[in-house]
Amino acid sequence: MLNNVSPYLIPAGELEDETVVNRSRFICAIKHCPDQLAVKQFIEQVKQQYPDASHHCYAFVWARPEDSQAYGFSDDGEPSGTAGRPMLAVLQGNLIGEICAIVIRYFGGVKLGTGGLQRAYGNSVRQALLKLPTQLKTPIEQLQLTCDYQQVKDIEHCLSQFDGEIIAQQFSTQVQLIVQLPISNISKFCQRIIEITAGRVSPRRLND
């Protein structure tokens, strides 16, 4: 079962790194891509930046690193299985999510063979990842609460205990709050809110 709760690494910046194998240039470009649209835009950007390259091979995981529904790859004209798949294997092996790696190849005149291509493309990504700054992403979720005015302070205090924050509020006869906090803390937060309000406030997920 996919774990949607625990933190995971994502790129904290973008970079390009070049390696040379038997006169062929392999330029690996990496960027944070949190959805499919960002992946598509990045691929198009790199193709426009290097329009004369022999190949623009890529691999991506636009969600959690272990999400089998959120990855893809392309050999872009290289022999099947020699570029995109070994690139993806390196990404997944490093457990970095929301990432796209594109390897731009300028053919140097010497054929590398199937094994040589697999090693070259995989190593291009591997070397770039060694230089890539990363940061930890903690999955969060938003909740909605409706409470009395005198309960707001208690809710704010409870939020601070569970690393949460208020992101929107609306005042009428009661107060409506939109809060967000780490998914891993939601169950305990909801339980605590019900306790301190004697069941008068019951947080609910926005997508319920």
N, C-alpha and C. Protein backbone atom coordinates (compact mmCIF):
# COMPACT_ATOMS: atom_id res chain seq x y z
N MET A 1 0.85 -1.20 0.00
CA MET A 1 0.00 0.00 0.00
C MET A 1 0.88 1.25 0.00
N LEU A 2 0.50 2.22 -0.81
CA LEU A 2 1.28 3.46 -0.91
C LEU A 2 1.18 4.25 0.37
N ASN A 3 2.32 4.70 0.86
CA ASN A 3 2.37 5.53 2.06
C ASN A 3 2.29 6.99 1.66
N ASN A 4 1.16 7.64 2.02
CA ASN A 4 0.98 9.03 1.66
C ASN A 4 1.27 9.98 2.81
N VAL A 5 1.83 9.45 3.89
CA VAL A 5 1.97 10.21 5.12
C VAL A 5 3.40 10.69 5.37
N SER A 6 4.37 9.81 5.18
CA SER A 6 5.73 10.12 5.59
C SER A 6 6.39 11.15 4.66
N PRO A 7 7.31 11.96 5.20
CA PRO A 7 8.04 12.93 4.37
C PRO A 7 8.90 12.24 3.31
N TYR A 8 9.23 12.97 2.25
CA TYR A 8 10.11 12.44 1.23
C TYR A 8 10.92 13.58 0.62
N LEU A 9 12.02 13.22 -0.04
CA LEU A 9 12.90 14.22 -0.62
C LEU A 9 12.37 14.71 -1.97
N ILE A 10 12.56 16.01 -2.23
CA ILE A 10 12.27 16.60 -3.53
C ILE A 10 13.44 17.52 -3.90
N PRO A 11 13.61 17.85 -5.18
CA PRO A 11 14.67 18.79 -5.55
C PRO A 11 14.43 20.17 -4.93
N ALA A 12 15.51 20.78 -4.46
CA ALA A 12 15.42 22.12 -3.90
C ALA A 12 15.92 23.16 -4.89
N GLY A 13 16.26 22.72 -6.08
CA GLY A 13 16.74 23.62 -7.13
C GLY A 13 16.84 22.83 -8.41
N GLU A 14 17.39 23.45 -9.44
CA GLU A 14 17.60 22.74 -10.70
C GLU A 14 19.05 22.89 -11.11
N LEU A 15 19.52 21.93 -11.92
CA LEU A 15 20.92 21.98 -12.35
C LEU A 15 21.11 21.26 -13.66
N GLU A 16 22.28 21.48 -14.24
CA GLU A 16 22.73 20.73 -15.40
C GLU A 16 24.13 20.23 -15.11
N ASP A 17 24.40 18.99 -15.51
CA ASP A 17 25.71 18.39 -15.28
C ASP A 17 26.11 17.60 -16.53
N GLU A 18 27.34 17.76 -16.96
CA GLU A 18 27.78 17.13 -18.20
C GLU A 18 28.83 16.07 -17.95
N THR A 19 28.68 14.94 -18.64
CA THR A 19 29.70 13.89 -18.67
C THR A 19 30.01 13.58 -20.13
N VAL A 20 31.19 13.04 -20.39
CA VAL A 20 31.60 12.67 -21.75
C VAL A 20 32.00 11.20 -21.75
N VAL A 21 31.43 10.44 -22.69
CA VAL A 21 31.74 9.02 -22.84
C VAL A 21 32.07 8.76 -24.30
N ASN A 22 33.31 8.40 -24.59
CA ASN A 22 33.73 8.11 -25.97
C ASN A 22 33.30 9.20 -26.94
N ARG A 23 33.60 10.43 -26.55
CA ARG A 23 33.36 11.64 -27.34
C ARG A 23 31.88 12.05 -27.42
N SER A 24 30.96 11.25 -26.88
CA SER A 24 29.56 11.66 -26.81
C SER A 24 29.35 12.49 -25.54
N ARG A 25 28.67 13.61 -25.71
CA ARG A 25 28.35 14.47 -24.55
C ARG A 25 26.98 14.08 -24.00
N PHE A 26 26.92 13.91 -22.70
CA PHE A 26 25.66 13.62 -22.01
C PHE A 26 25.42 14.75 -21.00
N ILE A 27 24.42 15.57 -21.26
CA ILE A 27 24.10 16.70 -20.39
C ILE A 27 22.81 16.35 -19.64
N CYS A 28 22.91 16.21 -18.33
CA CYS A 28 21.73 15.87 -17.53
C CYS A 28 21.14 17.14 -16.91
N ALA A 29 19.88 17.41 -17.24
CA ALA A 29 19.16 18.54 -16.67
C ALA A 29 18.10 18.00 -15.71
N ILE A 30 18.04 18.56 -14.52
CA ILE A 30 17.10 18.09 -13.49
C ILE A 30 16.34 19.27 -12.93
N LYS A 31 15.04 19.04 -12.68
CA LYS A 31 14.20 20.11 -12.14
C LYS A 31 13.09 19.52 -11.28
N HIS A 32 12.65 20.30 -10.30
CA HIS A 32 11.49 19.93 -9.48
C HIS A 32 10.23 20.02 -10.34
N CYS A 33 9.50 18.92 -10.47
CA CYS A 33 8.28 18.89 -11.27
C CYS A 33 7.18 18.20 -10.46
N PRO A 34 6.29 18.96 -9.81
CA PRO A 34 5.30 18.39 -8.91
C PRO A 34 4.02 17.87 -9.58
N ASP A 35 3.94 17.95 -10.91
CA ASP A 35 2.77 17.41 -11.60
C ASP A 35 3.13 17.15 -13.06
N GLN A 36 2.19 16.53 -13.78
CA GLN A 36 2.45 16.14 -15.17
C GLN A 36 2.67 17.34 -16.07
N LEU A 37 1.94 18.43 -15.82
CA LEU A 37 2.11 19.63 -16.64
C LEU A 37 3.52 20.18 -16.50
N ALA A 38 4.04 20.22 -15.28
CA ALA A 38 5.40 20.72 -15.06
C ALA A 38 6.43 19.86 -15.79
N VAL A 39 6.21 18.55 -15.80
CA VAL A 39 7.10 17.64 -16.52
C VAL A 39 7.09 17.97 -18.01
N LYS A 40 5.89 18.10 -18.59
CA LYS A 40 5.76 18.38 -20.02
C LYS A 40 6.43 19.70 -20.38
N GLN A 41 6.22 20.72 -19.56
CA GLN A 41 6.80 22.04 -19.83
C GLN A 41 8.32 21.99 -19.76
N PHE A 42 8.85 21.25 -18.80
CA PHE A 42 10.30 21.15 -18.65
C PHE A 42 10.93 20.44 -19.85
N ILE A 43 10.30 19.37 -20.31
CA ILE A 43 10.81 18.65 -21.47
C ILE A 43 10.83 19.55 -22.70
N GLU A 44 9.75 20.29 -22.92
CA GLU A 44 9.69 21.21 -24.05
C GLU A 44 10.75 22.31 -23.94
N GLN A 45 10.95 22.80 -22.72
CA GLN A 45 11.95 23.84 -22.49
C GLN A 45 13.35 23.35 -22.87
N VAL A 46 13.68 22.13 -22.44
CA VAL A 46 15.01 21.59 -22.72
C VAL A 46 15.19 21.31 -24.21
N LYS A 47 14.14 20.82 -24.86
CA LYS A 47 14.24 20.57 -26.30
C LYS A 47 14.49 21.86 -27.08
N GLN A 48 13.86 22.94 -26.62
CA GLN A 48 14.08 24.23 -27.27
C GLN A 48 15.47 24.77 -26.97
N GLN A 49 15.98 24.45 -25.78
CA GLN A 49 17.31 24.92 -25.39
C GLN A 49 18.41 24.19 -26.13
N TYR A 50 18.17 22.91 -26.45
CA TYR A 50 19.16 22.09 -27.16
C TYR A 50 18.52 21.47 -28.41
N PRO A 51 18.13 22.28 -29.38
CA PRO A 51 17.39 21.76 -30.54
C PRO A 51 18.23 20.88 -31.46
N ASP A 52 19.55 21.02 -31.40
CA ASP A 52 20.41 20.27 -32.32
C ASP A 52 20.97 19.00 -31.70
N ALA A 53 20.51 18.60 -30.51
CA ALA A 53 21.02 17.39 -29.85
C ALA A 53 20.53 16.14 -30.58
N SER A 54 21.30 15.06 -30.44
CA SER A 54 20.93 13.80 -31.08
C SER A 54 19.71 13.18 -30.41
N HIS A 55 19.63 13.28 -29.08
CA HIS A 55 18.53 12.69 -28.33
C HIS A 55 18.22 13.54 -27.10
N HIS A 56 16.94 13.51 -26.69
CA HIS A 56 16.50 14.13 -25.44
C HIS A 56 15.75 13.05 -24.65
N CYS A 57 16.48 12.23 -23.94
CA CYS A 57 15.87 11.13 -23.19
C CYS A 57 15.49 11.62 -21.79
N TYR A 58 14.43 11.06 -21.26
CA TYR A 58 14.00 11.57 -19.95
C TYR A 58 13.36 10.48 -19.09
N ALA A 59 13.30 10.78 -17.80
CA ALA A 59 12.60 9.95 -16.82
C ALA A 59 12.06 10.88 -15.75
N PHE A 60 10.91 10.53 -15.20
CA PHE A 60 10.33 11.42 -14.19
C PHE A 60 9.49 10.63 -13.20
N VAL A 61 9.35 11.19 -12.00
CA VAL A 61 8.40 10.75 -10.98
C VAL A 61 7.79 12.03 -10.43
N TRP A 62 6.53 12.33 -10.77
CA TRP A 62 5.97 13.64 -10.42
C TRP A 62 5.24 13.64 -9.08
N ALA A 63 5.24 12.51 -8.37
CA ALA A 63 4.63 12.47 -7.04
C ALA A 63 5.63 11.85 -6.06
N ARG A 64 5.13 11.08 -5.11
CA ARG A 64 6.03 10.40 -4.17
C ARG A 64 6.98 9.48 -4.94
N PRO A 65 8.20 9.26 -4.45
CA PRO A 65 9.16 8.45 -5.21
C PRO A 65 8.72 7.01 -5.43
N GLU A 66 7.86 6.48 -4.55
CA GLU A 66 7.44 5.08 -4.70
C GLU A 66 6.09 4.95 -5.40
N ASP A 67 5.54 6.05 -5.89
CA ASP A 67 4.23 6.02 -6.53
C ASP A 67 4.35 5.44 -7.94
N SER A 68 3.83 4.24 -8.13
CA SER A 68 3.96 3.54 -9.42
C SER A 68 3.01 4.10 -10.48
N GLN A 69 2.13 5.00 -10.09
CA GLN A 69 1.20 5.61 -11.05
C GLN A 69 1.68 6.97 -11.54
N ALA A 70 2.85 7.42 -11.09
CA ALA A 70 3.26 8.79 -11.35
C ALA A 70 4.62 8.89 -12.02
N TYR A 71 5.03 7.85 -12.73
CA TYR A 71 6.34 7.92 -13.38
C TYR A 71 6.21 7.67 -14.88
N GLY A 72 7.28 7.99 -15.59
CA GLY A 72 7.33 7.74 -17.02
C GLY A 72 8.75 7.94 -17.51
N PHE A 73 9.01 7.52 -18.76
CA PHE A 73 10.35 7.67 -19.32
C PHE A 73 10.28 7.57 -20.84
N SER A 74 11.35 7.99 -21.49
CA SER A 74 11.43 7.92 -22.95
C SER A 74 12.87 7.70 -23.39
N ASP A 75 13.05 6.83 -24.38
CA ASP A 75 14.37 6.60 -24.97
C ASP A 75 14.66 7.57 -26.11
N ASP A 76 13.63 8.26 -26.59
CA ASP A 76 13.77 9.28 -27.64
C ASP A 76 14.69 8.85 -28.78
N GLY A 77 14.42 7.67 -29.33
CA GLY A 77 15.18 7.22 -30.50
C GLY A 77 16.37 6.33 -30.20
N GLU A 78 16.81 6.28 -28.97
CA GLU A 78 17.87 5.34 -28.61
C GLU A 78 17.27 3.92 -28.60
N PRO A 79 18.08 2.88 -28.71
CA PRO A 79 17.54 1.51 -28.66
C PRO A 79 16.69 1.29 -27.41
N SER A 80 15.60 0.58 -27.55
CA SER A 80 14.64 0.39 -26.48
C SER A 80 15.31 -0.13 -25.20
N GLY A 81 15.02 0.55 -24.09
CA GLY A 81 15.52 0.11 -22.80
C GLY A 81 16.91 0.59 -22.44
N THR A 82 17.53 1.41 -23.31
CA THR A 82 18.93 1.80 -23.06
C THR A 82 19.07 3.17 -22.39
N ALA A 83 17.98 3.93 -22.30
CA ALA A 83 18.11 5.30 -21.79
C ALA A 83 17.11 5.61 -20.69
N GLY A 84 15.83 5.72 -21.05
CA GLY A 84 14.82 6.14 -20.09
C GLY A 84 14.69 5.23 -18.89
N ARG A 85 14.68 3.92 -19.13
CA ARG A 85 14.49 2.99 -18.01
C ARG A 85 15.67 3.02 -17.03
N PRO A 86 16.93 2.96 -17.49
CA PRO A 86 18.03 3.07 -16.51
C PRO A 86 18.05 4.42 -15.80
N MET A 87 17.61 5.48 -16.48
CA MET A 87 17.51 6.78 -15.82
C MET A 87 16.48 6.74 -14.70
N LEU A 88 15.31 6.15 -14.99
CA LEU A 88 14.27 6.03 -13.98
C LEU A 88 14.72 5.19 -12.79
N ALA A 89 15.45 4.12 -13.08
CA ALA A 89 15.94 3.26 -11.99
C ALA A 89 16.82 4.04 -11.03
N VAL A 90 17.63 4.95 -11.55
CA VAL A 90 18.50 5.77 -10.69
C VAL A 90 17.65 6.72 -9.85
N LEU A 91 16.66 7.36 -10.47
CA LEU A 91 15.79 8.26 -9.72
C LEU A 91 15.09 7.53 -8.58
N GLN A 92 14.48 6.39 -8.89
CA GLN A 92 13.75 5.65 -7.88
C GLN A 92 14.69 5.10 -6.80
N GLY A 93 15.89 4.73 -7.19
CA GLY A 93 16.85 4.21 -6.23
C GLY A 93 17.31 5.25 -5.23
N ASN A 94 17.23 6.53 -5.62
CA ASN A 94 17.63 7.61 -4.73
C ASN A 94 16.47 8.16 -3.91
N LEU A 95 15.27 7.60 -4.13
CA LEU A 95 14.08 7.96 -3.34
C LEU A 95 13.81 9.47 -3.34
N ILE A 96 13.88 10.07 -4.52
CA ILE A 96 13.55 11.49 -4.68
C ILE A 96 12.27 11.59 -5.50
N GLY A 97 11.30 12.33 -5.00
CA GLY A 97 10.04 12.49 -5.70
C GLY A 97 9.92 13.84 -6.37
N GLU A 98 8.85 14.01 -7.15
CA GLU A 98 8.55 15.28 -7.84
C GLU A 98 9.76 15.77 -8.63
N ILE A 99 10.30 14.87 -9.45
CA ILE A 99 11.56 15.15 -10.14
C ILE A 99 11.48 14.70 -11.59
N CYS A 100 12.12 15.47 -12.46
CA CYS A 100 12.27 15.08 -13.86
C CYS A 100 13.74 15.23 -14.24
N ALA A 101 14.29 14.20 -14.85
CA ALA A 101 15.67 14.25 -15.34
C ALA A 101 15.67 14.04 -16.85
N ILE A 102 16.33 14.92 -17.56
CA ILE A 102 16.45 14.83 -19.02
C ILE A 102 17.93 14.75 -19.36
N VAL A 103 18.29 13.75 -20.14
CA VAL A 103 19.68 13.64 -20.58
C VAL A 103 19.74 13.97 -22.07
N ILE A 104 20.45 15.05 -22.38
CA ILE A 104 20.63 15.51 -23.75
C ILE A 104 21.93 14.89 -24.26
N ARG A 105 21.86 14.15 -25.37
CA ARG A 105 23.06 13.52 -25.92
C ARG A 105 23.47 14.14 -27.24
N TYR A 106 24.74 14.48 -27.32
CA TYR A 106 25.36 14.87 -28.58
C TYR A 106 26.27 13.73 -29.00
N PHE A 107 25.89 13.03 -30.09
CA PHE A 107 26.63 11.85 -30.53
C PHE A 107 28.04 12.24 -30.96
N GLY A 108 29.02 11.47 -30.46
CA GLY A 108 30.42 11.79 -30.73
C GLY A 108 31.07 10.95 -31.81
N GLY A 109 30.27 10.11 -32.48
CA GLY A 109 30.82 9.33 -33.58
C GLY A 109 31.19 7.90 -33.23
N VAL A 110 31.17 7.56 -31.96
CA VAL A 110 31.53 6.21 -31.53
C VAL A 110 30.29 5.55 -30.92
N LYS A 111 29.87 4.41 -31.48
CA LYS A 111 28.72 3.70 -30.94
C LYS A 111 29.09 3.05 -29.61
N LEU A 112 28.20 3.16 -28.65
CA LEU A 112 28.50 2.65 -27.30
C LEU A 112 27.95 1.25 -27.05
N GLY A 113 27.03 0.79 -27.90
CA GLY A 113 26.43 -0.52 -27.65
C GLY A 113 25.34 -0.42 -26.58
N THR A 114 24.53 -1.47 -26.50
CA THR A 114 23.41 -1.46 -25.56
C THR A 114 23.86 -1.25 -24.12
N GLY A 115 24.81 -2.06 -23.68
CA GLY A 115 25.29 -1.94 -22.30
C GLY A 115 25.96 -0.60 -22.04
N GLY A 116 26.70 -0.12 -23.02
CA GLY A 116 27.38 1.16 -22.86
C GLY A 116 26.40 2.32 -22.74
N LEU A 117 25.33 2.26 -23.52
CA LEU A 117 24.31 3.30 -23.43
C LEU A 117 23.60 3.27 -22.08
N GLN A 118 23.25 2.08 -21.63
CA GLN A 118 22.59 1.97 -20.32
C GLN A 118 23.45 2.56 -19.21
N ARG A 119 24.74 2.24 -19.24
CA ARG A 119 25.66 2.76 -18.22
C ARG A 119 25.81 4.27 -18.35
N ALA A 120 25.92 4.76 -19.58
CA ALA A 120 26.15 6.19 -19.80
C ALA A 120 24.95 7.02 -19.34
N TYR A 121 23.74 6.60 -19.71
CA TYR A 121 22.56 7.36 -19.32
C TYR A 121 22.31 7.27 -17.81
N GLY A 122 22.46 6.07 -17.27
CA GLY A 122 22.27 5.91 -15.83
C GLY A 122 23.29 6.70 -15.04
N ASN A 123 24.54 6.67 -15.49
CA ASN A 123 25.60 7.38 -14.77
C ASN A 123 25.45 8.90 -14.90
N SER A 124 24.93 9.36 -16.03
CA SER A 124 24.70 10.79 -16.20
C SER A 124 23.75 11.32 -15.13
N VAL A 125 22.67 10.59 -14.90
CA VAL A 125 21.71 10.98 -13.86
C VAL A 125 22.33 10.82 -12.48
N ARG A 126 23.04 9.74 -12.28
CA ARG A 126 23.66 9.46 -10.97
C ARG A 126 24.63 10.57 -10.57
N GLN A 127 25.45 11.02 -11.51
CA GLN A 127 26.41 12.07 -11.21
C GLN A 127 25.72 13.41 -10.93
N ALA A 128 24.64 13.67 -11.67
CA ALA A 128 23.91 14.92 -11.45
C ALA A 128 23.25 14.92 -10.07
N LEU A 129 22.71 13.78 -9.66
CA LEU A 129 22.04 13.71 -8.36
C LEU A 129 23.00 13.95 -7.20
N LEU A 130 24.27 13.63 -7.41
CA LEU A 130 25.26 13.88 -6.36
C LEU A 130 25.39 15.37 -6.06
N LYS A 131 25.07 16.20 -7.06
CA LYS A 131 25.21 17.66 -6.91
C LYS A 131 23.88 18.36 -6.67
N LEU A 132 22.79 17.60 -6.71
CA LEU A 132 21.46 18.20 -6.63
C LEU A 132 21.10 18.54 -5.18
N PRO A 133 20.75 19.80 -4.91
CA PRO A 133 20.26 20.14 -3.56
C PRO A 133 18.85 19.59 -3.39
N THR A 134 18.56 19.01 -2.24
CA THR A 134 17.24 18.46 -1.97
C THR A 134 16.69 19.02 -0.66
N GLN A 135 15.40 18.87 -0.50
CA GLN A 135 14.76 19.25 0.76
C GLN A 135 13.68 18.23 1.09
N LEU A 136 13.31 18.18 2.36
CA LEU A 136 12.31 17.21 2.80
C LEU A 136 10.92 17.83 2.67
N LYS A 137 10.02 17.11 2.02
CA LYS A 137 8.64 17.57 1.89
C LYS A 137 7.75 16.76 2.82
N THR A 138 6.99 17.47 3.65
CA THR A 138 6.05 16.82 4.55
C THR A 138 4.64 16.96 3.98
N PRO A 139 4.00 15.86 3.60
CA PRO A 139 2.65 15.95 3.04
C PRO A 139 1.68 16.59 4.04
N ILE A 140 0.88 17.52 3.55
CA ILE A 140 -0.08 18.21 4.41
C ILE A 140 -1.49 18.05 3.85
N GLU A 141 -2.45 18.33 4.69
CA GLU A 141 -3.85 18.28 4.26
C GLU A 141 -4.60 19.40 4.96
N GLN A 142 -5.68 19.85 4.34
CA GLN A 142 -6.48 20.93 4.90
C GLN A 142 -7.76 20.40 5.54
N LEU A 143 -8.14 21.04 6.63
CA LEU A 143 -9.36 20.69 7.34
C LEU A 143 -10.22 21.95 7.51
N GLN A 144 -11.52 21.75 7.66
CA GLN A 144 -12.43 22.84 7.93
C GLN A 144 -13.05 22.65 9.32
N LEU A 145 -13.11 23.73 10.08
CA LEU A 145 -13.70 23.70 11.41
C LEU A 145 -14.68 24.86 11.55
N THR A 146 -15.78 24.63 12.24
CA THR A 146 -16.71 25.69 12.59
C THR A 146 -16.81 25.73 14.11
N CYS A 147 -16.53 26.88 14.69
CA CYS A 147 -16.46 26.97 16.14
C CYS A 147 -17.03 28.29 16.63
N ASP A 148 -17.20 28.40 17.95
CA ASP A 148 -17.60 29.66 18.57
C ASP A 148 -16.38 30.55 18.73
N TYR A 149 -16.62 31.84 18.89
CA TYR A 149 -15.52 32.79 18.99
C TYR A 149 -14.58 32.46 20.16
N GLN A 150 -15.15 32.04 21.28
CA GLN A 150 -14.33 31.78 22.46
C GLN A 150 -13.49 30.51 22.33
N GLN A 151 -13.74 29.71 21.29
CA GLN A 151 -12.98 28.48 21.10
C GLN A 151 -11.76 28.67 20.20
N VAL A 152 -11.65 29.82 19.55
CA VAL A 152 -10.58 30.03 18.57
C VAL A 152 -9.19 29.91 19.20
N LYS A 153 -9.01 30.53 20.37
CA LYS A 153 -7.70 30.49 21.02
C LYS A 153 -7.27 29.07 21.34
N ASP A 154 -8.21 28.27 21.84
CA ASP A 154 -7.89 26.87 22.16
C ASP A 154 -7.51 26.10 20.89
N ILE A 155 -8.20 26.38 19.80
CA ILE A 155 -7.90 25.69 18.54
C ILE A 155 -6.53 26.12 18.02
N GLU A 156 -6.23 27.41 18.12
CA GLU A 156 -4.91 27.89 17.70
C GLU A 156 -3.80 27.22 18.51
N HIS A 157 -4.01 27.09 19.82
CA HIS A 157 -3.01 26.44 20.67
C HIS A 157 -2.85 24.97 20.28
N CYS A 158 -3.95 24.32 20.01
CA CYS A 158 -3.90 22.91 19.61
C CYS A 158 -3.18 22.75 18.28
N LEU A 159 -3.43 23.66 17.35
CA LEU A 159 -2.75 23.62 16.06
C LEU A 159 -1.23 23.71 16.23
N SER A 160 -0.81 24.61 17.11
CA SER A 160 0.64 24.79 17.33
C SER A 160 1.29 23.52 17.86
N GLN A 161 0.54 22.73 18.60
CA GLN A 161 1.08 21.48 19.15
C GLN A 161 1.25 20.42 18.08
N PHE A 162 0.52 20.55 16.98
CA PHE A 162 0.57 19.54 15.92
C PHE A 162 1.12 20.10 14.60
N ASP A 163 1.93 21.16 14.71
CA ASP A 163 2.61 21.75 13.55
C ASP A 163 1.64 22.22 12.47
N GLY A 164 0.49 22.75 12.90
CA GLY A 164 -0.50 23.23 11.95
C GLY A 164 -0.62 24.73 11.96
N GLU A 165 -1.44 25.26 11.06
CA GLU A 165 -1.65 26.70 10.99
C GLU A 165 -3.01 26.99 10.37
N ILE A 166 -3.54 28.17 10.69
CA ILE A 166 -4.77 28.64 10.08
C ILE A 166 -4.42 29.33 8.76
N ILE A 167 -5.08 28.96 7.67
CA ILE A 167 -4.78 29.58 6.38
C ILE A 167 -5.94 30.44 5.88
N ALA A 168 -7.12 30.29 6.49
CA ALA A 168 -8.25 31.15 6.11
C ALA A 168 -9.27 31.13 7.25
N GLN A 169 -9.96 32.25 7.42
CA GLN A 169 -11.00 32.32 8.45
C GLN A 169 -12.11 33.27 8.02
N GLN A 170 -13.32 32.92 8.43
CA GLN A 170 -14.49 33.71 8.07
C GLN A 170 -15.35 33.88 9.32
N PHE A 171 -15.74 35.11 9.59
CA PHE A 171 -16.48 35.42 10.80
C PHE A 171 -17.93 35.75 10.47
N SER A 172 -18.85 35.06 11.14
CA SER A 172 -20.27 35.39 11.05
C SER A 172 -20.86 35.10 12.44
N THR A 173 -21.95 34.38 12.52
CA THR A 173 -22.46 34.02 13.85
C THR A 173 -21.49 33.07 14.55
N GLN A 174 -20.77 32.30 13.74
CA GLN A 174 -19.68 31.47 14.24
C GLN A 174 -18.43 31.74 13.41
N VAL A 175 -17.35 31.09 13.76
CA VAL A 175 -16.09 31.26 13.03
C VAL A 175 -15.83 30.00 12.21
N GLN A 176 -15.59 30.21 10.93
CA GLN A 176 -15.20 29.09 10.06
C GLN A 176 -13.70 29.19 9.79
N LEU A 177 -12.99 28.12 10.06
CA LEU A 177 -11.55 28.09 9.88
C LEU A 177 -11.15 27.03 8.86
N ILE A 178 -10.19 27.39 8.03
CA ILE A 178 -9.51 26.41 7.19
C ILE A 178 -8.09 26.29 7.74
N VAL A 179 -7.71 25.11 8.13
CA VAL A 179 -6.39 24.89 8.71
C VAL A 179 -5.66 23.84 7.90
N GLN A 180 -4.33 23.83 8.00
CA GLN A 180 -3.56 22.77 7.37
C GLN A 180 -2.50 22.28 8.34
N LEU A 181 -2.20 20.99 8.24
CA LEU A 181 -1.19 20.39 9.10
C LEU A 181 -0.72 19.09 8.47
N PRO A 182 0.43 18.57 8.94
CA PRO A 182 0.94 17.33 8.37
C PRO A 182 -0.09 16.21 8.46
N ILE A 183 -0.21 15.43 7.39
CA ILE A 183 -1.18 14.35 7.36
C ILE A 183 -0.97 13.38 8.53
N SER A 184 0.28 13.18 8.89
CA SER A 184 0.58 12.23 9.96
C SER A 184 0.04 12.70 11.32
N ASN A 185 -0.29 13.99 11.44
CA ASN A 185 -0.78 14.52 12.72
C ASN A 185 -2.30 14.71 12.75
N ILE A 186 -2.97 14.45 11.65
CA ILE A 186 -4.39 14.81 11.55
C ILE A 186 -5.26 14.03 12.53
N SER A 187 -5.06 12.75 12.63
CA SER A 187 -5.93 11.93 13.50
C SER A 187 -5.84 12.39 14.94
N LYS A 188 -4.61 12.61 15.43
CA LYS A 188 -4.45 13.04 16.82
C LYS A 188 -4.99 14.45 17.03
N PHE A 189 -4.80 15.31 16.03
CA PHE A 189 -5.34 16.67 16.13
C PHE A 189 -6.86 16.65 16.24
N CYS A 190 -7.51 15.90 15.37
CA CYS A 190 -8.97 15.83 15.38
C CYS A 190 -9.48 15.28 16.71
N GLN A 191 -8.81 14.25 17.20
CA GLN A 191 -9.20 13.67 18.48
C GLN A 191 -9.08 14.70 19.61
N ARG A 192 -7.98 15.47 19.58
CA ARG A 192 -7.75 16.46 20.62
C ARG A 192 -8.78 17.59 20.56
N ILE A 193 -9.12 18.02 19.35
CA ILE A 193 -10.12 19.09 19.19
C ILE A 193 -11.47 18.64 19.73
N ILE A 194 -11.85 17.43 19.43
CA ILE A 194 -13.13 16.90 19.93
C ILE A 194 -13.12 16.85 21.46
N GLU A 195 -11.97 16.49 22.02
CA GLU A 195 -11.86 16.42 23.48
C GLU A 195 -11.99 17.80 24.13
N ILE A 196 -11.24 18.78 23.63
CA ILE A 196 -11.21 20.09 24.30
C ILE A 196 -12.47 20.90 24.07
N THR A 197 -13.26 20.52 23.06
CA THR A 197 -14.52 21.24 22.81
C THR A 197 -15.72 20.39 23.23
N ALA A 198 -15.46 19.30 23.89
CA ALA A 198 -16.53 18.40 24.37
C ALA A 198 -17.44 17.96 23.21
N GLY A 199 -16.82 17.77 22.05
CA GLY A 199 -17.55 17.27 20.90
C GLY A 199 -18.32 18.30 20.11
N ARG A 200 -18.22 19.57 20.51
CA ARG A 200 -18.98 20.61 19.80
C ARG A 200 -18.31 21.03 18.48
N VAL A 201 -17.01 20.74 18.36
CA VAL A 201 -16.30 21.04 17.11
C VAL A 201 -15.72 19.74 16.58
N SER A 202 -16.05 19.45 15.34
CA SER A 202 -15.57 18.23 14.72
C SER A 202 -14.93 18.57 13.36
N PRO A 203 -13.59 18.59 13.28
CA PRO A 203 -12.92 18.93 12.02
C PRO A 203 -13.28 17.94 10.92
N ARG A 204 -13.35 18.45 9.70
CA ARG A 204 -13.59 17.55 8.57
C ARG A 204 -12.65 17.90 7.43
N ARG A 205 -12.29 16.89 6.68
CA ARG A 205 -11.43 17.10 5.51
C ARG A 205 -12.20 17.85 4.43
N LEU A 206 -11.50 18.71 3.73
CA LEU A 206 -12.16 19.52 2.70
C LEU A 206 -12.65 18.67 1.55
N ASN A 207 -11.99 17.53 1.30
CA ASN A 207 -12.40 16.71 0.15
C ASN A 207 -13.40 15.64 0.53
N ASP A 208 -13.91 15.67 1.77
CA ASP A 208 -14.93 14.71 2.17
C ASP A 208 -16.29 15.07 1.57
